[in-house]
Protein backbone atom coordinates (compact mmCIF):
# COMPACT_ATOMS: atom_id res chain seq x y z
CA MET A 1 -0.04 -0.16 -0.05
CA MET A 2 2.89 2.65 0.84
CA ILE A 3 4.47 1.69 -2.65
CA VAL A 4 1.39 3.78 -4.17
CA LEU A 5 0.69 6.18 -1.36
CA TRP A 6 3.88 7.55 -0.68
CA PRO A 7 4.92 8.34 -4.44
CA ALA A 8 1.33 10.02 -4.66
CA PHE A 9 1.93 11.97 -1.26
CA LEU A 10 5.32 13.52 -2.83
CA MET A 11 3.82 14.53 -5.96
CA ALA A 12 1.04 16.14 -4.27
CA CYS A 13 3.25 18.12 -2.04
CA ALA A 14 5.25 19.46 -5.25
CA ALA A 15 1.68 19.77 -7.54
CA THR A 16 0.36 21.82 -4.34
CA GLY A 17 3.25 23.97 -4.26
CA LEU A 18 3.81 24.61 -8.09
CA VAL A 19 -0.05 25.35 -8.65
CA PHE A 20 -0.78 27.63 -5.79
CA SER A 21 2.62 29.42 -6.09
CA LEU A 22 1.01 30.48 -9.79
CA VAL A 23 -2.68 30.74 -8.80
CA ASP A 24 -4.38 32.86 -5.85
CA PRO A 25 -6.57 30.84 -4.10
CA MET A 26 -9.00 34.22 -3.66
CA GLU A 27 -8.79 34.59 -7.74
CA LEU A 28 -10.38 30.88 -8.03
CA ILE A 29 -13.82 31.27 -10.06
CA ILE A 30 -16.00 28.07 -9.97
CA PHE A 31 -19.29 27.98 -11.84
CA ASP A 32 -19.32 31.79 -12.34
CA GLU A 33 -18.86 32.37 -8.71
CA ARG A 34 -15.82 33.49 -6.89
CA LEU A 35 -14.59 30.79 -4.40
CA GLN A 36 -16.13 32.00 -1.21
CA MET A 37 -13.46 29.62 1.47
CA HIS A 38 -10.50 30.57 3.41
CA THR A 39 -7.18 30.09 2.01
CA THR A 40 -5.98 27.26 4.24
CA GLY A 41 -9.29 25.46 2.85
CA VAL A 42 -8.54 25.88 -0.60
CA TYR A 43 -4.80 24.69 -0.08
CA THR A 44 -6.66 21.54 1.83
CA ILE A 45 -8.99 20.53 -0.91
CA GLY A 46 -6.24 21.35 -3.84
CA PHE A 47 -3.95 18.87 -1.73
CA PHE A 48 -6.35 16.08 -1.49
CA ALA A 49 -7.68 16.15 -5.04
CA PHE A 50 -3.90 16.00 -6.03
CA TRP A 51 -2.96 13.26 -3.54
CA LEU A 52 -6.38 11.26 -5.11
CA LEU A 53 -4.66 11.74 -8.52
CA GLY A 54 -1.48 10.55 -7.61
CA ILE A 55 -3.07 7.61 -5.83
CA LEU A 56 -5.14 6.92 -9.00
CA SER A 57 -2.16 6.97 -10.99
CA SER A 58 0.61 5.01 -8.95
CA GLY A 59 -2.04 2.34 -8.66
CA LEU A 60 -2.72 2.04 -12.00
CA THR A 61 0.75 1.44 -12.36
CA VAL A 62 1.19 -1.16 -10.04
CA LEU A 63 -1.86 -2.83 -11.38
CA LEU A 64 -0.27 -2.78 -14.88
CA VAL A 65 3.33 -3.93 -13.58
CA GLN A 66 1.72 -6.99 -11.98
CA LYS A 67 -0.23 -8.19 -15.01
CA ALA A 68 2.83 -7.69 -16.93
CA ARG A 69 4.52 -10.44 -15.01
C-alpha cells in the first residue's frame, strides 16, 4: 500500500506547491462564482485532490506491472 501512497503524497506536495505558487486561491472562480472559502481550506482541498490523482496514477502503474509479470 505504501508503494502507492508514498509517491502519490510526494507528488501532491510538489503539485500543490507549484499550482498555488502560480494561482491565488482567492482568485479562483467555479461555476461563474468567486470561491468563498478560507485560503487554508482551498490549499487543503487542492492537496487532497492532487493526492487522489497521484494515488490513481500510482495504483494503475502497480496494477499494470503486476499484470505484465
